[in-house]
């Protein structure tokens, strides 16, 4: 019988102000199958973060990638993940969205709500 190692994605909600750039992390991930050890991300050629309306959505509002410089791996154990969100990626309607970060083999390693709050300094007052 084949062995199946399911990975439970880490959960983290991210909150940003609408239209503002933000850097999240580094977030230090532990091995989902052995929480005493770091989760080494250096073996992946690509990591991709999708921001979308709902978890089950196949279309996305923004795509951030390792090769595009939006995601970065760091740390002595290569388990630190930093997310750089450009102002254009957060310049969407204020509401709750969903995001996930997947490896090049489509395994989800991080997911949660992507919350966009209205930026009070950018409101137009009549």
PDB file of N, CA and C in Angstrom:
ATOM      1  N   UNK A   1       0.841  -1.172   0.000  1.00  0.00           N
ATOM      2  CA  UNK A   1       0.000   0.000   0.000  1.00  0.00           C
ATOM      3  C   UNK A   1       0.895   1.247   0.000  1.00  0.00           C
ATOM      4  N   UNK A   2       0.535   2.211  -0.817  1.00  0.00           N
ATOM      5  CA  UNK A   2       1.313   3.452  -0.920  1.00  0.00           C
ATOM      6  C   UNK A   2       1.153   4.289   0.339  1.00  0.00           C
ATOM      7  N   UNK A   3       2.247   4.938   0.718  1.00  0.00           N
ATOM      8  CA  UNK A   3       2.214   5.807   1.882  1.00  0.00           C
ATOM      9  C   UNK A   3       1.764   7.192   1.441  1.00  0.00           C
ATOM     10  N   UNK A   4       0.899   7.787   2.219  1.00  0.00           N
ATOM     11  CA  UNK A   4       0.378   9.108   1.892  1.00  0.00           C
ATOM     12  C   UNK A   4       0.728  10.064   3.019  1.00  0.00           C
ATOM     13  N   UNK A   5       1.507  11.086   2.711  1.00  0.00           N
ATOM     14  CA  UNK A   5       1.869  12.093   3.700  1.00  0.00           C
ATOM     15  C   UNK A   5       1.112  13.378   3.387  1.00  0.00           C
ATOM     16  N   UNK A   6      -0.046  13.543   3.986  1.00  0.00           N
ATOM     17  CA  UNK A   6      -0.819  14.763   3.775  1.00  0.00           C
ATOM     18  C   UNK A   6      -0.154  15.900   4.529  1.00  0.00           C
ATOM     19  N   UNK A   7      -0.094  17.047   3.897  1.00  0.00           N
ATOM     20  CA  UNK A   7       0.465  18.222   4.540  1.00  0.00           C
ATOM     21  C   UNK A   7      -0.685  19.138   4.911  1.00  0.00           C
ATOM     22  N   UNK A   8      -0.742  19.498   6.180  1.00  0.00           N
ATOM     23  CA  UNK A   8      -1.738  20.464   6.623  1.00  0.00           C
ATOM     24  C   UNK A   8      -1.109  21.846   6.508  1.00  0.00           C
ATOM     25  N   UNK A   9      -1.743  22.685   5.742  1.00  0.00           N
ATOM     26  CA  UNK A   9      -1.213  24.025   5.517  1.00  0.00           C
ATOM     27  C   UNK A   9      -1.257  24.842   6.808  1.00  0.00           C
ATOM     28  N   UNK A  10      -0.235  25.654   7.014  1.00  0.00           N
ATOM     29  CA  UNK A  10      -0.239  26.593   8.129  1.00  0.00           C
ATOM     30  C   UNK A  10      -1.312  27.643   7.861  1.00  0.00           C
ATOM     31  N   UNK A  11      -1.930  28.148   8.916  1.00  0.00           N
ATOM     32  CA  UNK A  11      -3.005  29.130   8.802  1.00  0.00           C
ATOM     33  C   UNK A  11      -2.521  30.485   9.303  1.00  0.00           C
ATOM     34  N   UNK A  12      -2.720  31.525   8.495  1.00  0.00           N
ATOM     35  CA  UNK A  12      -2.369  32.874   8.908  1.00  0.00           C
ATOM     36  C   UNK A  12      -3.224  33.860   8.125  1.00  0.00           C
ATOM     37  N   UNK A  13      -3.912  34.733   8.832  1.00  0.00           N
ATOM     38  CA  UNK A  13      -4.666  35.798   8.175  1.00  0.00           C
ATOM     39  C   UNK A  13      -3.751  37.003   8.005  1.00  0.00           C
ATOM     40  N   UNK A  14      -3.821  37.639   6.838  1.00  0.00           N
ATOM     41  CA  UNK A  14      -3.000  38.797   6.514  1.00  0.00           C
ATOM     42  C   UNK A  14      -3.926  39.992   6.332  1.00  0.00           C
ATOM     43  N   UNK A  15      -3.630  41.095   7.023  1.00  0.00           N
ATOM     44  CA  UNK A  15      -4.413  42.315   6.904  1.00  0.00           C
ATOM     45  C   UNK A  15      -3.533  43.420   6.331  1.00  0.00           C
ATOM     46  N   UNK A  16      -4.039  44.090   5.288  1.00  0.00           N
ATOM     47  CA  UNK A  16      -3.322  45.204   4.667  1.00  0.00           C
ATOM     48  C   UNK A  16      -4.278  46.380   4.498  1.00  0.00           C
ATOM     49  N   UNK A  17      -3.707  47.564   4.388  1.00  0.00           N
ATOM     50  CA  UNK A  17      -4.494  48.754   4.060  1.00  0.00           C
ATOM     51  C   UNK A  17      -4.611  48.848   2.550  1.00  0.00           C
ATOM     52  N   UNK A  18      -5.777  49.223   2.082  1.00  0.00           N
ATOM     53  CA  UNK A  18      -6.026  49.300   0.646  1.00  0.00           C
ATOM     54  C   UNK A  18      -5.037  50.241  -0.025  1.00  0.00           C
ATOM     55  N   UNK A  19      -4.385  49.745  -1.078  1.00  0.00           N
ATOM     56  CA  UNK A  19      -3.462  50.542  -1.872  1.00  0.00           C
ATOM     57  C   UNK A  19      -2.083  50.740  -1.263  1.00  0.00           C
ATOM     58  N   UNK A  20      -1.811  50.090  -0.135  1.00  0.00           N
ATOM     59  CA  UNK A  20      -0.498  50.224   0.503  1.00  0.00           C
ATOM     60  C   UNK A  20       0.361  48.993   0.240  1.00  0.00           C
ATOM     61  N   UNK A  21       1.649  49.218   0.073  1.00  0.00           N
ATOM     62  CA  UNK A  21       2.602  48.109  -0.023  1.00  0.00           C
ATOM     63  C   UNK A  21       2.854  47.574   1.384  1.00  0.00           C
ATOM     64  N   UNK A  22       3.181  46.293   1.484  1.00  0.00           N
ATOM     65  CA  UNK A  22       3.448  45.688   2.790  1.00  0.00           C
ATOM     66  C   UNK A  22       4.411  44.522   2.622  1.00  0.00           C
ATOM     67  N   UNK A  23       5.210  44.293   3.657  1.00  0.00           N
ATOM     68  CA  UNK A  23       6.071  43.114   3.703  1.00  0.00           C
ATOM     69  C   UNK A  23       5.673  42.309   4.933  1.00  0.00           C
ATOM     70  N   UNK A  24       5.390  41.043   4.731  1.00  0.00           N
ATOM     71  CA  UNK A  24       5.001  40.136   5.802  1.00  0.00           C
ATOM     72  C   UNK A  24       6.143  39.155   6.005  1.00  0.00           C
ATOM     73  N   UNK A  25       6.593  39.013   7.250  1.00  0.00           N
ATOM     74  CA  UNK A  25       7.580  37.993   7.543  1.00  0.00           C
ATOM     75  C   UNK A  25       8.963  38.532   7.785  1.00  0.00           C
ATOM     76  N   UNK A  26       9.900  37.632   7.917  1.00  0.00           N
ATOM     77  CA  UNK A  26       9.757  36.220   7.539  1.00  0.00           C
ATOM     78  C   UNK A  26       8.898  35.427   8.531  1.00  0.00           C
ATOM     79  N   UNK A  27       8.132  34.526   7.958  1.00  0.00           N
ATOM     80  CA  UNK A  27       7.319  33.567   8.713  1.00  0.00           C
ATOM     81  C   UNK A  27       8.105  32.265   8.744  1.00  0.00           C
ATOM     82  N   UNK A  28       8.370  31.749   9.921  1.00  0.00           N
ATOM     83  CA  UNK A  28       9.176  30.526  10.020  1.00  0.00           C
ATOM     84  C   UNK A  28       8.248  29.319  10.107  1.00  0.00           C
ATOM     85  N   UNK A  29       8.293  28.485   9.072  1.00  0.00           N
ATOM     86  CA  UNK A  29       7.403  27.338   8.956  1.00  0.00           C
ATOM     87  C   UNK A  29       8.059  26.092   9.523  1.00  0.00           C
ATOM     88  N   UNK A  30       7.257  25.290  10.219  1.00  0.00           N
ATOM     89  CA  UNK A  30       7.751  24.005  10.713  1.00  0.00           C
ATOM     90  C   UNK A  30       7.226  22.894   9.820  1.00  0.00           C
ATOM     91  N   UNK A  31       7.935  21.779   9.829  1.00  0.00           N
ATOM     92  CA  UNK A  31       7.553  20.623   9.021  1.00  0.00           C
ATOM     93  C   UNK A  31       6.168  20.158   9.460  1.00  0.00           C
ATOM     94  N   UNK A  32       5.202  20.106   8.541  1.00  0.00           N
ATOM     95  CA  UNK A  32       3.843  19.713   8.906  1.00  0.00           C
ATOM     96  C   UNK A  32       3.751  18.279   9.422  1.00  0.00           C
ATOM     97  N   UNK A  33       4.730  17.456   9.081  1.00  0.00           N
ATOM     98  CA  UNK A  33       4.712  16.067   9.542  1.00  0.00           C
ATOM     99  C   UNK A  33       5.567  15.859  10.790  1.00  0.00           C
ATOM    100  N   UNK A  34       6.328  16.878  11.192  1.00  0.00           N
ATOM    101  CA  UNK A  34       7.180  16.788  12.374  1.00  0.00           C
ATOM    102  C   UNK A  34       7.441  18.201  12.877  1.00  0.00           C
ATOM    103  N   UNK A  35       6.578  18.689  13.754  1.00  0.00           N
ATOM    104  CA  UNK A  35       6.628  20.089  14.184  1.00  0.00           C
ATOM    105  C   UNK A  35       7.896  20.455  14.956  1.00  0.00           C
ATOM    106  N   UNK A  36       8.739  19.466  15.280  1.00  0.00           N
ATOM    107  CA  UNK A  36      10.003  19.764  15.945  1.00  0.00           C
ATOM    108  C   UNK A  36      11.088  20.192  14.955  1.00  0.00           C
ATOM    109  N   UNK A  37      10.826  20.076  13.669  1.00  0.00           N
ATOM    110  CA  UNK A  37      11.827  20.391  12.648  1.00  0.00           C
ATOM    111  C   UNK A  37      11.328  21.493  11.713  1.00  0.00           C
ATOM    112  N   UNK A  38      12.249  22.317  11.209  1.00  0.00           N
ATOM    113  CA  UNK A  38      11.858  23.360  10.250  1.00  0.00           C
ATOM    114  C   UNK A  38      11.442  22.747   8.915  1.00  0.00           C
ATOM    115  N   UNK A  39      10.601  23.453   8.185  1.00  0.00           N
ATOM    116  CA  UNK A  39      10.149  23.020   6.866  1.00  0.00           C
ATOM    117  C   UNK A  39      11.053  23.685   5.829  1.00  0.00           C
ATOM    118  N   UNK A  40      11.983  22.934   5.275  1.00  0.00           N
ATOM    119  CA  UNK A  40      12.978  23.443   4.334  1.00  0.00           C
ATOM    120  C   UNK A  40      12.313  23.755   2.992  1.00  0.00           C
ATOM    121  N   UNK A  41      12.305  25.029   2.623  1.00  0.00           N
ATOM    122  CA  UNK A  41      11.675  25.477   1.377  1.00  0.00           C
ATOM    123  C   UNK A  41      12.655  25.562   0.209  1.00  0.00           C
ATOM    124  N   UNK A  42      13.937  25.305   0.468  1.00  0.00           N
ATOM    125  CA  UNK A  42      14.958  25.494  -0.570  1.00  0.00           C
ATOM    126  C   UNK A  42      14.859  24.501  -1.716  1.00  0.00           C
ATOM    127  N   UNK A  43      14.169  23.391  -1.530  1.00  0.00           N
ATOM    128  CA  UNK A  43      14.068  22.389  -2.579  1.00  0.00           C
ATOM    129  C   UNK A  43      13.027  22.701  -3.640  1.00  0.00           C
ATOM    130  N   UNK A  44      12.269  23.762  -3.447  1.00  0.00           N
ATOM    131  CA  UNK A  44      11.218  24.107  -4.407  1.00  0.00           C
ATOM    132  C   UNK A  44      11.741  25.135  -5.396  1.00  0.00           C
ATOM    133  N   UNK A  45      11.457  24.920  -6.680  1.00  0.00           N
ATOM    134  CA  UNK A  45      11.885  25.871  -7.697  1.00  0.00           C
ATOM    135  C   UNK A  45      10.909  27.037  -7.804  1.00  0.00           C
ATOM    136  N   UNK A  46       9.697  26.854  -7.310  1.00  0.00           N
ATOM    137  CA  UNK A  46       8.704  27.932  -7.356  1.00  0.00           C
ATOM    138  C   UNK A  46       7.774  27.835  -6.161  1.00  0.00           C
ATOM    139  N   UNK A  47       7.434  28.984  -5.624  1.00  0.00           N
ATOM    140  CA  UNK A  47       6.370  29.146  -4.638  1.00  0.00           C
ATOM    141  C   UNK A  47       5.451  30.206  -5.214  1.00  0.00           C
ATOM    142  N   UNK A  48       4.148  29.989  -5.105  1.00  0.00           N
ATOM    143  CA  UNK A  48       3.181  30.909  -5.694  1.00  0.00           C
ATOM    144  C   UNK A  48       2.092  31.228  -4.689  1.00  0.00           C
ATOM    145  N   UNK A  49       1.775  32.507  -4.552  1.00  0.00           N
ATOM    146  CA  UNK A  49       0.671  32.947  -3.703  1.00  0.00           C
ATOM    147  C   UNK A  49      -0.416  33.502  -4.603  1.00  0.00           C
ATOM    148  N   UNK A  50      -1.639  33.010  -4.414  1.00  0.00           N
ATOM    149  CA  UNK A  50      -2.794  33.517  -5.156  1.00  0.00           C
ATOM    150  C   UNK A  50      -3.745  34.201  -4.186  1.00  0.00           C
ATOM    151  N   UNK A  51      -4.185  35.394  -4.538  1.00  0.00           N
ATOM    152  CA  UNK A  51      -5.230  36.094  -3.800  1.00  0.00           C
ATOM    153  C   UNK A  51      -6.487  35.979  -4.643  1.00  0.00           C
ATOM    154  N   UNK A  52      -7.561  35.455  -4.040  1.00  0.00           N
ATOM    155  CA  UNK A  52      -8.780  35.219  -4.801  1.00  0.00           C
ATOM    156  C   UNK A  52     -10.017  35.508  -3.960  1.00  0.00           C
ATOM    157  N   UNK A  53     -11.170  35.556  -4.622  1.00  0.00           N
ATOM    158  CA  UNK A  53     -12.413  35.881  -3.912  1.00  0.00           C
ATOM    159  C   UNK A  53     -12.776  34.824  -2.875  1.00  0.00           C
ATOM    160  N   UNK A  54     -12.658  33.572  -3.231  1.00  0.00           N
ATOM    161  CA  UNK A  54     -13.018  32.472  -2.337  1.00  0.00           C
ATOM    162  C   UNK A  54     -12.000  31.348  -2.465  1.00  0.00           C
ATOM    163  N   UNK A  55     -11.946  30.492  -1.465  1.00  0.00           N
ATOM    164  CA  UNK A  55     -11.014  29.364  -1.469  1.00  0.00           C
ATOM    165  C   UNK A  55     -11.142  28.547  -2.741  1.00  0.00           C
ATOM    166  N   UNK A  56     -12.357  28.275  -3.164  1.00  0.00           N
ATOM    167  CA  UNK A  56     -12.575  27.384  -4.305  1.00  0.00           C
ATOM    168  C   UNK A  56     -12.467  28.078  -5.661  1.00  0.00           C
ATOM    169  N   UNK A  57     -12.221  29.384  -5.672  1.00  0.00           N
ATOM    170  CA  UNK A  57     -12.107  30.118  -6.938  1.00  0.00           C
ATOM    171  C   UNK A  57     -10.919  29.619  -7.757  1.00  0.00           C
ATOM    172  N   UNK A  58     -11.144  29.461  -9.053  1.00  0.00           N
ATOM    173  CA  UNK A  58     -10.040  29.048  -9.928  1.00  0.00           C
ATOM    174  C   UNK A  58      -9.349  30.267 -10.539  1.00  0.00           C
ATOM    175  N   UNK A  59      -9.997  31.419 -10.484  1.00  0.00           N
ATOM    176  CA  UNK A  59      -9.370  32.654 -10.961  1.00  0.00           C
ATOM    177  C   UNK A  59      -8.853  33.442  -9.757  1.00  0.00           C
ATOM    178  N   UNK A  60      -7.853  34.274  -9.999  1.00  0.00           N
ATOM    179  CA  UNK A  60      -7.275  35.010  -8.887  1.00  0.00           C
ATOM    180  C   UNK A  60      -7.133  36.483  -9.228  1.00  0.00           C
ATOM    181  N   UNK A  61      -7.095  37.303  -8.173  1.00  0.00           N
ATOM    182  CA  UNK A  61      -6.960  38.749  -8.312  1.00  0.00           C
ATOM    183  C   UNK A  61      -5.499  39.161  -8.422  1.00  0.00           C
ATOM    184  N   UNK A  62      -4.624  38.409  -7.771  1.00  0.00           N
ATOM    185  CA  UNK A  62      -3.190  38.710  -7.815  1.00  0.00           C
ATOM    186  C   UNK A  62      -2.416  37.412  -7.665  1.00  0.00           C
ATOM    187  N   UNK A  63      -1.243  37.379  -8.301  1.00  0.00           N
ATOM    188  CA  UNK A  63      -0.348  36.237  -8.193  1.00  0.00           C
ATOM    189  C   UNK A  63       1.031  36.759  -7.804  1.00  0.00           C
ATOM    190  N   UNK A  64       1.565  36.252  -6.698  1.00  0.00           N
ATOM    191  CA  UNK A  64       2.892  36.623  -6.226  1.00  0.00           C
ATOM    192  C   UNK A  64       3.753  35.377  -6.295  1.00  0.00           C
ATOM    193  N   UNK A  65       5.007  35.517  -6.765  1.00  0.00           N
ATOM    194  CA  UNK A  65       5.842  34.334  -6.969  1.00  0.00           C
ATOM    195  C   UNK A  65       7.249  34.510  -6.403  1.00  0.00           C
ATOM    196  N   UNK A  66       7.883  33.377  -6.175  1.00  0.00           N
ATOM    197  CA  UNK A  66       9.273  33.343  -5.746  1.00  0.00           C
ATOM    198  C   UNK A  66      10.173  33.876  -6.863  1.00  0.00           C
ATOM    199  N   UNK A  67       9.973  33.381  -8.081  1.00  0.00           N
ATOM    200  CA  UNK A  67      10.819  33.804  -9.200  1.00  0.00           C
ATOM    201  C   UNK A  67      10.571  35.260  -9.586  1.00  0.00           C
ATOM    202  N   UNK A  68       9.388  35.785  -9.257  1.00  0.00           N
ATOM    203  CA  UNK A  68       9.084  37.179  -9.541  1.00  0.00           C
ATOM    204  C   UNK A  68       9.570  38.132  -8.454  1.00  0.00           C
ATOM    205  N   UNK A  69      10.122  37.581  -7.369  1.00  0.00           N
ATOM    206  CA  UNK A  69      10.656  38.404  -6.297  1.00  0.00           C
ATOM    207  C   UNK A  69       9.645  38.833  -5.247  1.00  0.00           C
ATOM    208  N   UNK A  70       8.401  38.365  -5.364  1.00  0.00           N
ATOM    209  CA  UNK A  70       7.364  38.726  -4.389  1.00  0.00           C
ATOM    210  C   UNK A  70       7.444  37.867  -3.133  1.00  0.00           C
ATOM    211  N   UNK A  71       7.994  36.670  -3.258  1.00  0.00           N
ATOM    212  CA  UNK A  71       8.177  35.745  -2.140  1.00  0.00           C
ATOM    213  C   UNK A  71       9.669  35.485  -2.002  1.00  0.00           C
ATOM    214  N   UNK A  72      10.128  35.309  -0.772  1.00  0.00           N
ATOM    215  CA  UNK A  72      11.553  35.049  -0.548  1.00  0.00           C
ATOM    216  C   UNK A  72      11.707  34.009   0.553  1.00  0.00           C
ATOM    217  N   UNK A  73      12.694  33.142   0.385  1.00  0.00           N
ATOM    218  CA  UNK A  73      13.030  32.112   1.368  1.00  0.00           C
ATOM    219  C   UNK A  73      14.293  32.568   2.094  1.00  0.00           C
ATOM    220  N   UNK A  74      14.296  32.427   3.427  1.00  0.00           N
ATOM    221  CA  UNK A  74      15.447  32.853   4.215  1.00  0.00           C
ATOM    222  C   UNK A  74      15.586  31.965   5.442  1.00  0.00           C
ATOM    223  N   UNK A  75      16.587  32.266   6.255  1.00  0.00           N
ATOM    224  CA  UNK A  75      16.800  31.548   7.505  1.00  0.00           C
ATOM    225  C   UNK A  75      17.838  30.455   7.364  1.00  0.00           C
ATOM    226  N   UNK A  76      18.481  30.117   8.473  1.00  0.00           N
ATOM    227  CA  UNK A  76      19.529  29.095   8.483  1.00  0.00           C
ATOM    228  C   UNK A  76      19.006  27.746   8.012  1.00  0.00           C
ATOM    229  N   UNK A  77      17.733  27.478   8.263  1.00  0.00           N
ATOM    230  CA  UNK A  77      17.130  26.203   7.850  1.00  0.00           C
ATOM    231  C   UNK A  77      16.274  26.349   6.602  1.00  0.00           C
ATOM    232  N   UNK A  78      16.372  27.502   5.933  1.00  0.00           N
ATOM    233  CA  UNK A  78      15.575  27.760   4.723  1.00  0.00           C
ATOM    234  C   UNK A  78      14.082  27.582   4.960  1.00  0.00           C
ATOM    235  N   UNK A  79      13.624  27.933   6.159  1.00  0.00           N
ATOM    236  CA  UNK A  79      12.209  27.775   6.465  1.00  0.00           C
ATOM    237  C   UNK A  79      11.507  29.109   6.682  1.00  0.00           C
ATOM    238  N   UNK A  80      12.197  30.227   6.414  1.00  0.00           N
ATOM    239  CA  UNK A  80      11.578  31.544   6.539  1.00  0.00           C
ATOM    240  C   UNK A  80      10.961  31.961   5.218  1.00  0.00           C
ATOM    241  N   UNK A  81       9.723  32.406   5.259  1.00  0.00           N
ATOM    242  CA  UNK A  81       9.027  32.850   4.057  1.00  0.00           C
ATOM    243  C   UNK A  81       8.615  34.305   4.243  1.00  0.00           C
ATOM    244  N   UNK A  82       9.060  35.177   3.350  1.00  0.00           N
ATOM    245  CA  UNK A  82       8.651  36.575   3.356  1.00  0.00           C
ATOM    246  C   UNK A  82       7.766  36.830   2.155  1.00  0.00           C
ATOM    247  N   UNK A  83       6.757  37.670   2.356  1.00  0.00           N
ATOM    248  CA  UNK A  83       5.803  38.007   1.299  1.00  0.00           C
ATOM    249  C   UNK A  83       5.846  39.518   1.108  1.00  0.00           C
ATOM    250  N   UNK A  84       6.131  39.946  -0.114  1.00  0.00           N
ATOM    251  CA  UNK A  84       6.169  41.372  -0.442  1.00  0.00           C
ATOM    252  C   UNK A  84       4.929  41.673  -1.276  1.00  0.00           C
ATOM    253  N   UNK A  85       4.046  42.491  -0.711  1.00  0.00           N
ATOM    254  CA  UNK A  85       2.790  42.820  -1.378  1.00  0.00           C
ATOM    255  C   UNK A  85       2.925  44.232  -1.952  1.00  0.00           C
ATOM    256  N   UNK A  86       2.839  44.338  -3.265  1.00  0.00           N
ATOM    257  CA  UNK A  86       2.930  45.642  -3.937  1.00  0.00           C
ATOM    258  C   UNK A  86       1.632  46.416  -3.713  1.00  0.00           C
ATOM    259  N   UNK A  87       1.712  47.725  -3.776  1.00  0.00           N
ATOM    260  CA  UNK A  87       0.527  48.567  -3.592  1.00  0.00           C
ATOM    261  C   UNK A  87      -0.573  48.191  -4.588  1.00  0.00           C
ATOM    262  N   UNK A  88      -0.198  47.847  -5.803  1.00  0.00           N
ATOM    263  CA  UNK A  88      -1.193  47.480  -6.822  1.00  0.00           C
ATOM    264  C   UNK A  88      -1.949  46.206  -6.445  1.00  0.00           C
ATOM    265  N   UNK A  89      -1.285  45.290  -5.717  1.00  0.00           N
ATOM    266  CA  UNK A  89      -1.933  44.038  -5.325  1.00  0.00           C
ATOM    267  C   UNK A  89      -2.933  44.227  -4.182  1.00  0.00           C
ATOM    268  N   UNK A  90      -2.797  45.305  -3.416  1.00  0.00           N
ATOM    269  CA  UNK A  90      -3.743  45.568  -2.325  1.00  0.00           C
ATOM    270  C   UNK A  90      -4.749  46.650  -2.695  1.00  0.00           C
ATOM    271  N   UNK A  91      -4.653  47.165  -3.910  1.00  0.00           N
ATOM    272  CA  UNK A  91      -5.564  48.219  -4.339  1.00  0.00           C
ATOM    273  C   UNK A  91      -6.835  47.611  -4.939  1.00  0.00           C
ATOM    274  N   UNK A  92      -7.527  46.878  -4.100  1.00  0.00           N
ATOM    275  CA  UNK A  92      -8.780  46.217  -4.466  1.00  0.00           C
ATOM    276  C   UNK A  92      -9.814  46.586  -3.410  1.00  0.00           C
ATOM    277  N   UNK A  93     -11.065  46.296  -3.668  1.00  0.00           N
ATOM    278  CA  UNK A  93     -12.132  46.667  -2.741  1.00  0.00           C
ATOM    279  C   UNK A  93     -11.855  46.143  -1.333  1.00  0.00           C
ATOM    280  N   UNK A  94     -12.188  46.951  -0.338  1.00  0.00           N
ATOM    281  CA  UNK A  94     -12.004  46.556   1.057  1.00  0.00           C
ATOM    282  C   UNK A  94     -12.994  45.443   1.396  1.00  0.00           C
ATOM    283  N   UNK A  95     -12.443  44.284   1.756  1.00  0.00           N
ATOM    284  CA  UNK A  95     -13.253  43.119   2.135  1.00  0.00           C
ATOM    285  C   UNK A  95     -12.327  41.969   2.486  1.00  0.00           C
ATOM    286  N   UNK A  96     -12.918  40.840   2.815  1.00  0.00           N
ATOM    287  CA  UNK A  96     -12.164  39.619   3.082  1.00  0.00           C
ATOM    288  C   UNK A  96     -12.010  38.843   1.780  1.00  0.00           C
ATOM    289  N   UNK A  97     -10.776  38.427   1.488  1.00  0.00           N
ATOM    290  CA  UNK A  97     -10.471  37.557   0.366  1.00  0.00           C
ATOM    291  C   UNK A  97      -9.814  36.308   0.943  1.00  0.00           C
ATOM    292  N   UNK A  98      -9.427  35.389   0.105  1.00  0.00           N
ATOM    293  CA  UNK A  98      -8.721  34.190   0.524  1.00  0.00           C
ATOM    294  C   UNK A  98      -7.395  34.154  -0.229  1.00  0.00           C
ATOM    295  N   UNK A  99      -6.362  33.625   0.411  1.00  0.00           N
ATOM    296  CA  UNK A  99      -5.088  33.440  -0.281  1.00  0.00           C
ATOM    297  C   UNK A  99      -4.534  32.065   0.070  1.00  0.00           C
ATOM    298  N   UNK A 100      -3.677  31.573  -0.795  1.00  0.00           N
ATOM    299  CA  UNK A 100      -2.914  30.367  -0.476  1.00  0.00           C
ATOM    300  C   UNK A 100      -1.533  30.477  -1.105  1.00  0.00           C
ATOM    301  N   UNK A 101      -0.573  29.809  -0.472  1.00  0.00           N
ATOM    302  CA  UNK A 101       0.780  29.720  -1.007  1.00  0.00           C
ATOM    303  C   UNK A 101       1.016  28.254  -1.333  1.00  0.00           C
ATOM    304  N   UNK A 102       1.368  27.995  -2.586  1.00  0.00           N
ATOM    305  CA  UNK A 102       1.578  26.623  -3.050  1.00  0.00           C
ATOM    306  C   UNK A 102       3.021  26.436  -3.516  1.00  0.00           C
ATOM    307  N   UNK A 103       3.490  25.200  -3.394  1.00  0.00           N
ATOM    308  CA  UNK A 103       4.804  24.820  -3.902  1.00  0.00           C
ATOM    309  C   UNK A 103       4.689  24.493  -5.381  1.00  0.00           C
ATOM    310  N   UNK A 104       5.825  24.210  -6.015  1.00  0.00           N
ATOM    311  CA  UNK A 104       5.799  23.885  -7.442  1.00  0.00           C
ATOM    312  C   UNK A 104       5.068  22.576  -7.741  1.00  0.00           C
ATOM    313  N   UNK A 105       4.846  21.735  -6.717  1.00  0.00           N
ATOM    314  CA  UNK A 105       4.063  20.511  -6.951  1.00  0.00           C
ATOM    315  C   UNK A 105       2.598  20.691  -6.521  1.00  0.00           C
ATOM    316  N   UNK A 106       2.176  21.968  -6.361  1.00  0.00           N
ATOM    317  CA  UNK A 106       0.788  22.352  -6.053  1.00  0.00           C
ATOM    318  C   UNK A 106       0.349  21.970  -4.637  1.00  0.00           C
ATOM    319  N   UNK A 107       1.286  21.783  -3.727  1.00  0.00           N
ATOM    320  CA  UNK A 107       0.963  21.529  -2.329  1.00  0.00           C
ATOM    321  C   UNK A 107       0.785  22.867  -1.620  1.00  0.00           C
ATOM    322  N   UNK A 108      -0.347  23.054  -0.956  1.00  0.00           N
ATOM    323  CA  UNK A 108      -0.605  24.290  -0.219  1.00  0.00           C
ATOM    324  C   UNK A 108       0.118  24.223   1.117  1.00  0.00           C
ATOM    325  N   UNK A 109       0.997  25.218   1.375  1.00  0.00           N
ATOM    326  CA  UNK A 109       1.763  25.227   2.624  1.00  0.00           C
ATOM    327  C   UNK A 109       1.326  26.337   3.575  1.00  0.00           C
ATOM    328  N   UNK A 110       0.600  27.339   3.063  1.00  0.00           N
ATOM    329  CA  UNK A 110       0.142  28.452   3.885  1.00  0.00           C
ATOM    330  C   UNK A 110      -1.141  28.983   3.276  1.00  0.00           C
ATOM    331  N   UNK A 111      -2.125  29.291   4.127  1.00  0.00           N
ATOM    332  CA  UNK A 111      -3.387  29.815   3.618  1.00  0.00           C
ATOM    333  C   UNK A 111      -4.091  30.621   4.701  1.00  0.00           C
ATOM    334  N   UNK A 112      -5.067  31.394   4.275  1.00  0.00           N
ATOM    335  CA  UNK A 112      -5.841  32.172   5.233  1.00  0.00           C
ATOM    336  C   UNK A 112      -6.610  33.269   4.534  1.00  0.00           C
ATOM    337  N   UNK A 113      -7.155  34.168   5.347  1.00  0.00           N
ATOM    338  CA  UNK A 113      -7.858  35.314   4.798  1.00  0.00           C
ATOM    339  C   UNK A 113      -6.851  36.412   4.443  1.00  0.00           C
ATOM    340  N   UNK A 114      -7.100  37.077   3.341  1.00  0.00           N
ATOM    341  CA  UNK A 114      -6.361  38.263   2.931  1.00  0.00           C
ATOM    342  C   UNK A 114      -7.356  39.399   3.103  1.00  0.00           C
ATOM    343  N   UNK A 115      -7.167  40.191   4.149  1.00  0.00           N
ATOM    344  CA  UNK A 115      -8.138  41.197   4.548  1.00  0.00           C
ATOM    345  C   UNK A 115      -7.645  42.568   4.091  1.00  0.00           C
ATOM    346  N   UNK A 116      -8.454  43.224   3.284  1.00  0.00           N
ATOM    347  CA  UNK A 116      -8.114  44.565   2.814  1.00  0.00           C
ATOM    348  C   UNK A 116      -9.001  45.544   3.564  1.00  0.00           C
ATOM    349  N   UNK A 117      -8.351  46.449   4.326  1.00  0.00           N
ATOM    350  CA  UNK A 117      -9.077  47.474   5.071  1.00  0.00           C
ATOM    351  C   UNK A 117      -8.947  48.805   4.345  1.00  0.00           C
ATOM    352  N   UNK A 118      -9.973  49.635   4.461  1.00  0.00           N
ATOM    353  CA  UNK A 118      -9.929  50.968   3.854  1.00  0.00           C
ATOM    354  C   UNK A 118      -8.856  51.788   4.541  1.00  0.00           C
ATOM    355  N   UNK A 119      -8.100  52.523   3.774  1.00  0.00           N
ATOM    356  CA  UNK A 119      -7.067  53.398   4.317  1.00  0.00           C
ATOM    357  C   UNK A 119      -7.682  54.767   4.542  1.00  0.00           C
ATOM    358  N   UNK A 120      -7.815  55.174   5.793  1.00  0.00           N
ATOM    359  CA  UNK A 120      -8.469  56.433   6.147  1.00  0.00           C
ATOM    360  C   UNK A 120      -7.821  57.655   5.542  1.00  0.00           C
ATOM    361  N   UNK A 121      -6.526  57.575   5.255  1.00  0.00           N
ATOM    362  CA  UNK A 121      -5.850  58.743   4.681  1.00  0.00           C
ATOM    363  C   UNK A 121      -6.130  58.893   3.190  1.00  0.00           C
ATOM    364  N   UNK A 122      -6.748  57.873   2.598  1.00  0.00           N
ATOM    365  CA  UNK A 122      -6.995  57.940   1.153  1.00  0.00           C
ATOM    366  C   UNK A 122      -8.489  58.075   0.818  1.00  0.00           C
ATOM    367  N   UNK A 123      -9.299  58.318   1.826  1.00  0.00           N
ATOM    368  CA  UNK A 123     -10.728  58.488   1.581  1.00  0.00           C
ATOM    369  C   UNK A 123     -10.992  59.844   0.962  1.00  0.00           C
ATOM    370  N   UNK A 124     -11.945  59.900   0.032  1.00  0.00           N
ATOM    371  CA  UNK A 124     -12.324  61.202  -0.488  1.00  0.00           C
ATOM    372  C   UNK A 124     -13.557  61.681   0.278  1.00  0.00           C
ATOM    373  N   UNK A 125     -13.443  62.870   0.812  1.00  0.00           N
ATOM    374  CA  UNK A 125     -14.546  63.439   1.577  1.00  0.00           C
ATOM    375  C   UNK A 125     -15.140  64.572   0.753  1.00  0.00           C
ATOM    376  N   UNK A 126     -16.455  64.489   0.500  1.00  0.00           N
ATOM    377  CA  UNK A 126     -17.092  65.524  -0.338  1.00  0.00           C
ATOM    378  C   UNK A 126     -17.141  66.867   0.356  1.00  0.00           C
TER     379      UNK A 126
END
